[in-house]
Amino acid sequence: MNQEEQDILAAIKLTKILKTPKQHLATFGVTRTNYYLITQPSYDDLLQEQQEESVIREGTVVSERPLVVTPRYMANLDGFSSDARKYFENLVQTLGPGAPGILYQYRNEPAGLDIVSENVEAISQKILADLKGKGDTQSVVIQGVDHLWDVSLLQFIYQFTANSLKGNISEMGNMGLLNIENSVGLPTAIVREIEEMFQRVRQGDDPSKLKEKLDRLGVFDLYEDRFLSLFLKK
């Protein structure tokens, strides 16, 4: 394990999630979660003996609607290492290319950074008290590591996702979205998404998006005639 990996593991262990959202991730919509991430500044050793400061980062973590995906689809996404691709390929062999899985997509929207003359514990308690007074049940408060603050934020995202997963799967299952459509061997949710994309293309949307989707799912051959007919009608 190199030094960078050791630093990341240390940051994860030092991260404390002091307040979590009351509601889990929405199954059928976008979830916006405001965060307050408090750290001891990385320049702390340069401060005078009696001087204490904390860094407060504010922002919003946006979680898009969870997507039903397949192992084959995940293996064709960019940004994964060769080892990760082998993992997905093994899932294809074990579970089948159309086995349903859930993909969560996040983005971070930073809102600001403040440096205050108080220690981390004191400012954390003030923020917690302020949120409680406002009746804010959805914001998250995190104590993290300054130079790896985004790792601390990702640690929250990981736990938030893990705690939401069971409920999301249950709601999707109750809607029949994880059922396999025998005609194409794909989960119902994906079949519906493909049908919606075909409809949007007929209304003028870019057909390359549909082609990319079908290629990543590995099912273009099943929809090839329908796809080509879009251009014949034009």
C-alpha atoms as a PDB file:
ATOM      1  CA  MET A   1       0.000   0.000   0.000  1.00  0.00           C
ATOM      2  CA  ASN A   2       1.504   3.335  -1.043  1.00  0.00           C
ATOM      3  CA  GLN A   3       1.418   6.561   0.975  1.00  0.00           C
ATOM      4  CA  GLU A   4      -1.555   7.992  -0.898  1.00  0.00           C
ATOM      5  CA  GLU A   5      -3.656   4.911  -0.158  1.00  0.00           C
ATOM      6  CA  GLN A   6      -2.607   5.049   3.495  1.00  0.00           C
ATOM      7  CA  ASP A   7      -3.605   8.712   3.710  1.00  0.00           C
ATOM      8  CA  ILE A   8      -7.039   7.982   2.216  1.00  0.00           C
ATOM      9  CA  LEU A   9      -7.676   5.138   4.663  1.00  0.00           C
ATOM     10  CA  ALA A  10      -6.595   7.385   7.539  1.00  0.00           C
ATOM     11  CA  ALA A  11      -8.963  10.128   6.349  1.00  0.00           C
ATOM     12  CA  ILE A  12     -11.853   7.653   6.222  1.00  0.00           C
ATOM     13  CA  LYS A  13     -11.146   6.482   9.772  1.00  0.00           C
ATOM     14  CA  LEU A  14     -10.939  10.066  11.063  1.00  0.00           C
ATOM     15  CA  THR A  15     -14.181  11.155   9.372  1.00  0.00           C
ATOM     16  CA  LYS A  16     -17.086  11.620  11.772  1.00  0.00           C
ATOM     17  CA  ILE A  17     -20.647  12.030  10.521  1.00  0.00           C
ATOM     18  CA  LEU A  18     -22.341  13.970  13.304  1.00  0.00           C
ATOM     19  CA  LYS A  19     -25.755  14.382  11.681  1.00  0.00           C
ATOM     20  CA  THR A  20     -27.339  12.417   8.862  1.00  0.00           C
ATOM     21  CA  PRO A  21     -30.448  13.183   6.770  1.00  0.00           C
ATOM     22  CA  LYS A  22     -33.708  11.857   8.198  1.00  0.00           C
ATOM     23  CA  GLN A  23     -34.937  10.767   4.780  1.00  0.00           C
ATOM     24  CA  HIS A  24     -33.068   8.282   2.612  1.00  0.00           C
ATOM     25  CA  LEU A  25     -32.308   8.750  -1.075  1.00  0.00           C
ATOM     26  CA  ALA A  26     -35.413   9.118  -3.213  1.00  0.00           C
ATOM     27  CA  THR A  27     -36.070   6.092  -5.394  1.00  0.00           C
ATOM     28  CA  PHE A  28     -37.881   7.947  -8.168  1.00  0.00           C
ATOM     29  CA  GLY A  29     -36.470  11.439  -8.009  1.00  0.00           C
ATOM     30  CA  VAL A  30     -33.497  13.694  -7.387  1.00  0.00           C
ATOM     31  CA  THR A  31     -32.205  14.092  -3.817  1.00  0.00           C
ATOM     32  CA  ARG A  32     -30.446  17.292  -2.736  1.00  0.00           C
ATOM     33  CA  THR A  33     -28.545  17.142   0.544  1.00  0.00           C
ATOM     34  CA  ASN A  34     -26.882  20.219   2.035  1.00  0.00           C
ATOM     35  CA  TYR A  35     -23.658  19.555   3.903  1.00  0.00           C
ATOM     36  CA  TYR A  36     -21.453  21.308   6.439  1.00  0.00           C
ATOM     37  CA  LEU A  37     -17.966  19.828   6.490  1.00  0.00           C
ATOM     38  CA  ILE A  38     -15.731  21.051   9.319  1.00  0.00           C
ATOM     39  CA  THR A  39     -11.983  20.440   9.367  1.00  0.00           C
ATOM     40  CA  GLN A  40      -8.924  21.491  11.271  1.00  0.00           C
ATOM     41  CA  PRO A  41      -6.866  23.554   8.797  1.00  0.00           C
ATOM     42  CA  SER A  42      -3.868  21.825   7.272  1.00  0.00           C
ATOM     43  CA  TYR A  43      -1.718  24.817   8.285  1.00  0.00           C
ATOM     44  CA  ASP A  44      -2.658  24.324  11.937  1.00  0.00           C
ATOM     45  CA  ASP A  45       0.952  23.739  12.991  1.00  0.00           C
ATOM     46  CA  LEU A  46       1.768  27.295  11.843  1.00  0.00           C
ATOM     47  CA  LEU A  47      -0.735  28.912  14.215  1.00  0.00           C
ATOM     48  CA  GLN A  48       0.272  30.429  17.522  1.00  0.00           C
ATOM     49  CA  GLU A  49      -0.067  28.247  20.593  1.00  0.00           C
ATOM     50  CA  GLN A  50      -3.336  29.770  21.851  1.00  0.00           C
ATOM     51  CA  GLN A  51      -4.835  30.259  18.398  1.00  0.00           C
ATOM     52  CA  GLU A  52      -7.461  27.847  17.078  1.00  0.00           C
ATOM     53  CA  GLU A  53      -9.169  27.859  13.709  1.00  0.00           C
ATOM     54  CA  SER A  54     -11.597  25.682  11.788  1.00  0.00           C
ATOM     55  CA  VAL A  55     -12.493  25.473   8.131  1.00  0.00           C
ATOM     56  CA  ILE A  56     -16.184  25.196   7.249  1.00  0.00           C
ATOM     57  CA  ARG A  57     -17.099  24.018   3.766  1.00  0.00           C
ATOM     58  CA  GLU A  58     -20.722  24.223   2.690  1.00  0.00           C
ATOM     59  CA  GLY A  59     -22.355  22.765  -0.376  1.00  0.00           C
ATOM     60  CA  THR A  60     -24.938  20.395  -1.750  1.00  0.00           C
ATOM     61  CA  VAL A  61     -24.609  16.773  -2.787  1.00  0.00           C
ATOM     62  CA  VAL A  62     -27.046  16.035  -5.614  1.00  0.00           C
ATOM     63  CA  SER A  63     -28.067  12.429  -6.203  1.00  0.00           C
ATOM     64  CA  GLU A  64     -29.752  11.730  -9.507  1.00  0.00           C
ATOM     65  CA  ARG A  65     -32.591   9.230  -9.689  1.00  0.00           C
ATOM     66  CA  PRO A  66     -31.076   5.737  -9.127  1.00  0.00           C
ATOM     67  CA  LEU A  67     -30.803   3.813 -12.389  1.00  0.00           C
ATOM     68  CA  VAL A  68     -31.406   0.139 -13.012  1.00  0.00           C
ATOM     69  CA  VAL A  69     -28.363  -1.172 -14.896  1.00  0.00           C
ATOM     70  CA  THR A  70     -26.792  -4.465 -15.878  1.00  0.00           C
ATOM     71  CA  PRO A  71     -23.280  -5.878 -15.291  1.00  0.00           C
ATOM     72  CA  ARG A  72     -22.570  -5.603 -19.028  1.00  0.00           C
ATOM     73  CA  TYR A  73     -23.617  -1.949 -19.009  1.00  0.00           C
ATOM     74  CA  MET A  74     -21.321  -1.196 -16.062  1.00  0.00           C
ATOM     75  CA  ALA A  75     -18.410  -2.938 -17.762  1.00  0.00           C
ATOM     76  CA  ASN A  76     -18.783  -0.570 -20.728  1.00  0.00           C
ATOM     77  CA  LEU A  77     -18.774   2.656 -18.689  1.00  0.00           C
ATOM     78  CA  ASP A  78     -15.717   4.895 -18.763  1.00  0.00           C
ATOM     79  CA  GLY A  79     -13.670   5.573 -15.657  1.00  0.00           C
ATOM     80  CA  PHE A  80     -13.234   2.036 -14.363  1.00  0.00           C
ATOM     81  CA  SER A  81      -9.893   0.271 -14.009  1.00  0.00           C
ATOM     82  CA  SER A  82      -9.078  -2.996 -15.778  1.00  0.00           C
ATOM     83  CA  ASP A  83      -9.580  -4.841 -12.471  1.00  0.00           C
ATOM     84  CA  ALA A  84     -13.047  -3.325 -12.109  1.00  0.00           C
ATOM     85  CA  ARG A  85     -13.917  -4.349 -15.648  1.00  0.00           C
ATOM     86  CA  LYS A  86     -12.857  -7.922 -14.884  1.00  0.00           C
ATOM     87  CA  TYR A  87     -15.149  -7.824 -11.861  1.00  0.00           C
ATOM     88  CA  PHE A  88     -18.130  -6.804 -14.010  1.00  0.00           C
ATOM     89  CA  GLU A  89     -17.219  -9.403 -16.618  1.00  0.00           C
ATOM     90  CA  ASN A  90     -17.278 -12.050 -13.882  1.00  0.00           C
ATOM     91  CA  LEU A  91     -20.719 -10.835 -12.868  1.00  0.00           C
ATOM     92  CA  VAL A  92     -21.862 -11.263 -16.460  1.00  0.00           C
ATOM     93  CA  GLN A  93     -20.643 -14.854 -16.402  1.00  0.00           C
ATOM     94  CA  THR A  94     -22.148 -15.559 -12.972  1.00  0.00           C
ATOM     95  CA  LEU A  95     -25.431 -13.645 -13.002  1.00  0.00           C
ATOM     96  CA  GLY A  96     -26.012 -13.098 -16.708  1.00  0.00           C
ATOM     97  CA  PRO A  97     -25.609  -9.928 -18.797  1.00  0.00           C
ATOM     98  CA  GLY A  98     -29.114  -8.685 -17.965  1.00  0.00           C
ATOM     99  CA  ALA A  99     -29.058  -9.131 -14.184  1.00  0.00           C
ATOM    100  CA  PRO A 100     -30.519  -6.014 -12.522  1.00  0.00           C
ATOM    101  CA  GLY A 101     -28.323  -3.722 -10.448  1.00  0.00           C
ATOM    102  CA  ILE A 102     -28.603  -0.167  -9.143  1.00  0.00           C
ATOM    103  CA  LEU A 103     -26.366   2.712 -10.224  1.00  0.00           C
ATOM    104  CA  TYR A 104     -26.180   5.897  -8.149  1.00  0.00           C
ATOM    105  CA  GLN A 105     -24.819   9.080  -9.699  1.00  0.00           C
ATOM    106  CA  TYR A 106     -23.743  12.066  -7.640  1.00  0.00           C
ATOM    107  CA  ARG A 107     -22.381  15.543  -8.137  1.00  0.00           C
ATOM    108  CA  ASN A 108     -21.018  18.014  -5.636  1.00  0.00           C
ATOM    109  CA  GLU A 109     -22.091  21.659  -5.736  1.00  0.00           C
ATOM    110  CA  PRO A 110     -19.752  23.646  -3.419  1.00  0.00           C
ATOM    111  CA  ALA A 111     -21.361  26.751  -1.946  1.00  0.00           C
ATOM    112  CA  GLY A 112     -18.601  28.386   0.066  1.00  0.00           C
ATOM    113  CA  LEU A 113     -15.711  28.152   2.505  1.00  0.00           C
ATOM    114  CA  ASP A 114     -15.224  30.018   5.785  1.00  0.00           C
ATOM    115  CA  ILE A 115     -12.397  30.062   8.315  1.00  0.00           C
ATOM    116  CA  VAL A 116     -13.485  30.760  11.879  1.00  0.00           C
ATOM    117  CA  SER A 117     -11.542  31.301  15.107  1.00  0.00           C
ATOM    118  CA  GLU A 118     -12.934  28.314  16.998  1.00  0.00           C
ATOM    119  CA  ASN A 119     -11.935  24.695  17.312  1.00  0.00           C
ATOM    120  CA  VAL A 120     -13.636  21.942  15.330  1.00  0.00           C
ATOM    121  CA  GLU A 121     -15.680  20.558  18.216  1.00  0.00           C
ATOM    122  CA  ALA A 122     -17.056  23.949  19.257  1.00  0.00           C
ATOM    123  CA  ILE A 123     -18.084  25.049  15.772  1.00  0.00           C
ATOM    124  CA  SER A 124     -19.594  21.623  15.044  1.00  0.00           C
ATOM    125  CA  GLN A 125     -21.853  21.908  18.088  1.00  0.00           C
ATOM    126  CA  LYS A 126     -22.917  25.412  17.063  1.00  0.00           C
ATOM    127  CA  ILE A 127     -23.872  24.235  13.582  1.00  0.00           C
ATOM    128  CA  LEU A 128     -25.779  21.273  15.010  1.00  0.00           C
ATOM    129  CA  ALA A 129     -27.668  23.533  17.403  1.00  0.00           C
ATOM    130  CA  ASP A 130     -28.469  25.996  14.622  1.00  0.00           C
ATOM    131  CA  LEU A 131     -29.860  23.285  12.348  1.00  0.00           C
ATOM    132  CA  LYS A 132     -31.904  21.825  15.184  1.00  0.00           C
ATOM    133  CA  GLY A 133     -33.346  25.258  15.926  1.00  0.00           C
ATOM    134  CA  LYS A 134     -34.353  25.613  12.273  1.00  0.00           C
ATOM    135  CA  GLY A 135     -35.959  22.176  12.231  1.00  0.00           C
ATOM    136  CA  ASP A 136     -33.547  21.105   9.483  1.00  0.00           C
ATOM    137  CA  THR A 137     -33.698  17.311   9.319  1.00  0.00           C
ATOM    138  CA  GLN A 138     -32.082  16.823   5.921  1.00  0.00           C
ATOM    139  CA  SER A 139     -28.680  18.523   6.169  1.00  0.00           C
ATOM    140  CA  VAL A 140     -25.568  16.547   7.090  1.00  0.00           C
ATOM    141  CA  VAL A 141     -22.747  17.661   9.396  1.00  0.00           C
ATOM    142  CA  ILE A 142     -19.339  16.064   8.951  1.00  0.00           C
ATOM    143  CA  GLN A 143     -15.987  16.389  10.687  1.00  0.00           C
ATOM    144  CA  GLY A 144     -13.269  15.534   8.192  1.00  0.00           C
ATOM    145  CA  VAL A 145      -9.649  15.897   7.167  1.00  0.00           C
ATOM    146  CA  ASP A 146      -8.704  19.201   5.566  1.00  0.00           C
ATOM    147  CA  HIS A 147      -6.423  18.147   2.702  1.00  0.00           C
ATOM    148  CA  LEU A 148      -8.681  15.177   1.894  1.00  0.00           C
ATOM    149  CA  TRP A 149     -12.019  16.794   2.670  1.00  0.00           C
ATOM    150  CA  ASP A 150     -13.631  15.345  -0.448  1.00  0.00           C
ATOM    151  CA  VAL A 151     -12.720  11.842   0.796  1.00  0.00           C
ATOM    152  CA  SER A 152     -14.621  12.664   3.994  1.00  0.00           C
ATOM    153  CA  LEU A 153     -17.571  13.789   1.869  1.00  0.00           C
ATOM    154  CA  LEU A 154     -17.418  10.577  -0.153  1.00  0.00           C
ATOM    155  CA  GLN A 155     -17.440   8.565   3.063  1.00  0.00           C
ATOM    156  CA  PHE A 156     -20.788  10.164   3.910  1.00  0.00           C
ATOM    157  CA  ILE A 157     -22.074   9.482   0.389  1.00  0.00           C
ATOM    158  CA  TYR A 158     -21.066   5.826   0.709  1.00  0.00           C
ATOM    159  CA  GLN A 159     -22.904   5.404   4.014  1.00  0.00           C
ATOM    160  CA  PHE A 160     -25.935   7.357   2.783  1.00  0.00           C
ATOM    161  CA  THR A 161     -26.156   5.131  -0.286  1.00  0.00           C
ATOM    162  CA  ALA A 162     -25.717   1.920   1.714  1.00  0.00           C
ATOM    163  CA  ASN A 163     -28.479   2.944   4.123  1.00  0.00           C
ATOM    164  CA  SER A 164     -30.824   3.816   1.239  1.00  0.00           C
ATOM    165  CA  LEU A 165     -30.149   0.805  -0.970  1.00  0.00           C
ATOM    166  CA  LYS A 166     -32.508  -1.681   0.678  1.00  0.00           C
ATOM    167  CA  GLY A 167     -35.450   0.711   0.526  1.00  0.00           C
ATOM    168  CA  ASN A 168     -34.723   1.735  -3.076  1.00  0.00           C
ATOM    169  CA  ILE A 169     -34.530  -1.898  -4.209  1.00  0.00           C
ATOM    170  CA  SER A 170     -37.741  -2.730  -2.350  1.00  0.00           C
ATOM    171  CA  GLU A 171     -39.666   0.138  -3.975  1.00  0.00           C
ATOM    172  CA  MET A 172     -38.336  -0.713  -7.438  1.00  0.00           C
ATOM    173  CA  GLY A 173     -39.173  -4.375  -6.880  1.00  0.00           C
ATOM    174  CA  ASN A 174     -42.721  -3.546  -5.812  1.00  0.00           C
ATOM    175  CA  MET A 175     -43.143  -1.596  -9.060  1.00  0.00           C
ATOM    176  CA  GLY A 176     -41.905  -4.589 -11.064  1.00  0.00           C
ATOM    177  CA  LEU A 177     -38.943  -2.604 -12.388  1.00  0.00           C
ATOM    178  CA  LEU A 178     -36.414  -5.315 -11.532  1.00  0.00           C
ATOM    179  CA  ASN A 179     -38.340  -8.069 -13.317  1.00  0.00           C
ATOM    180  CA  ILE A 180     -36.659  -9.516 -16.392  1.00  0.00           C
ATOM    181  CA  GLU A 181     -38.466  -9.054 -19.705  1.00  0.00           C
ATOM    182  CA  ASN A 182     -38.140 -12.435 -21.382  1.00  0.00           C
ATOM    183  CA  SER A 183     -38.309 -10.967 -24.888  1.00  0.00           C
ATOM    184  CA  VAL A 184     -35.010  -9.118 -24.496  1.00  0.00           C
ATOM    185  CA  GLY A 185     -33.565 -10.465 -21.241  1.00  0.00           C
ATOM    186  CA  LEU A 186     -33.407  -7.024 -19.605  1.00  0.00           C
ATOM    187  CA  PRO A 187     -34.976  -5.583 -16.441  1.00  0.00           C
ATOM    188  CA  THR A 188     -38.367  -3.934 -16.980  1.00  0.00           C
ATOM    189  CA  ALA A 189     -36.979  -0.535 -15.946  1.00  0.00           C
ATOM    190  CA  ILE A 190     -34.371  -0.632 -18.718  1.00  0.00           C
ATOM    191  CA  VAL A 191     -36.886  -1.790 -21.337  1.00  0.00           C
ATOM    192  CA  ARG A 192     -39.135   1.139 -20.409  1.00  0.00           C
ATOM    193  CA  GLU A 193     -36.192   3.539 -20.613  1.00  0.00           C
ATOM    194  CA  ILE A 194     -35.291   2.264 -24.088  1.00  0.00           C
ATOM    195  CA  GLU A 195     -38.887   2.674 -25.236  1.00  0.00           C
ATOM    196  CA  GLU A 196     -38.923   6.229 -23.890  1.00  0.00           C
ATOM    197  CA  MET A 197     -35.666   6.977 -25.746  1.00  0.00           C
ATOM    198  CA  PHE A 198     -37.139   5.643 -28.998  1.00  0.00           C
ATOM    199  CA  GLN A 199     -40.125   7.930 -28.480  1.00  0.00           C
ATOM    200  CA  ARG A 200     -37.876  10.945 -27.853  1.00  0.00           C
ATOM    201  CA  VAL A 201     -35.874  10.217 -30.999  1.00  0.00           C
ATOM    202  CA  ARG A 202     -39.097  10.120 -33.012  1.00  0.00           C
ATOM    203  CA  GLN A 203     -39.820  13.553 -31.552  1.00  0.00           C
ATOM    204  CA  GLY A 204     -36.448  14.907 -32.639  1.00  0.00           C
ATOM    205  CA  ASP A 205     -33.948  13.856 -29.973  1.00  0.00           C
ATOM    206  CA  ASP A 206     -30.378  12.902 -30.907  1.00  0.00           C
ATOM    207  CA  PRO A 207     -30.385   9.215 -32.040  1.00  0.00           C
ATOM    208  CA  SER A 208     -26.715   8.816 -31.079  1.00  0.00           C
ATOM    209  CA  LYS A 209     -27.737   8.772 -27.401  1.00  0.00           C
ATOM    210  CA  LEU A 210     -30.028   5.830 -28.059  1.00  0.00           C
ATOM    211  CA  LYS A 211     -27.330   4.037 -30.059  1.00  0.00           C
ATOM    212  CA  GLU A 212     -24.825   4.529 -27.250  1.00  0.00           C
ATOM    213  CA  LYS A 213     -27.293   3.167 -24.708  1.00  0.00           C
ATOM    214  CA  LEU A 214     -28.039   0.067 -26.770  1.00  0.00           C
ATOM    215  CA  ASP A 215     -24.330  -0.552 -27.363  1.00  0.00           C
ATOM    216  CA  ARG A 216     -23.481  -0.284 -23.670  1.00  0.00           C
ATOM    217  CA  LEU A 217     -26.269  -2.697 -22.833  1.00  0.00           C
ATOM    218  CA  GLY A 218     -25.008  -5.054 -25.501  1.00  0.00           C
ATOM    219  CA  VAL A 219     -28.456  -5.320 -27.120  1.00  0.00           C
ATOM    220  CA  PHE A 220     -28.156  -3.216 -30.260  1.00  0.00           C
ATOM    221  CA  ASP A 221     -28.658  -6.318 -32.412  1.00  0.00           C
ATOM    222  CA  LEU A 222     -32.067  -6.848 -30.762  1.00  0.00           C
ATOM    223  CA  TYR A 223     -33.177  -3.316 -31.608  1.00  0.00           C
ATOM    224  CA  GLU A 224     -31.225  -2.786 -34.828  1.00  0.00           C
ATOM    225  CA  ASP A 225     -34.190  -2.998 -37.200  1.00  0.00           C
ATOM    226  CA  ARG A 226     -36.235  -0.567 -35.101  1.00  0.00           C
ATOM    227  CA  PHE A 227     -33.289   1.796 -34.822  1.00  0.00           C
ATOM    228  CA  LEU A 228     -32.641   1.830 -38.579  1.00  0.00           C
ATOM    229  CA  SER A 229     -36.334   2.298 -39.298  1.00  0.00           C
ATOM    230  CA  LEU A 230     -36.130   5.658 -37.514  1.00  0.00           C
ATOM    231  CA  PHE A 231     -34.027   6.938 -40.401  1.00  0.00           C
ATOM    232  CA  LEU A 232     -36.060   5.225 -43.141  1.00  0.00           C
ATOM    233  CA  LYS A 233     -39.188   7.046 -41.990  1.00  0.00           C
ATOM    234  CA  LYS A 234     -37.337  10.344 -42.301  1.00  0.00           C
END
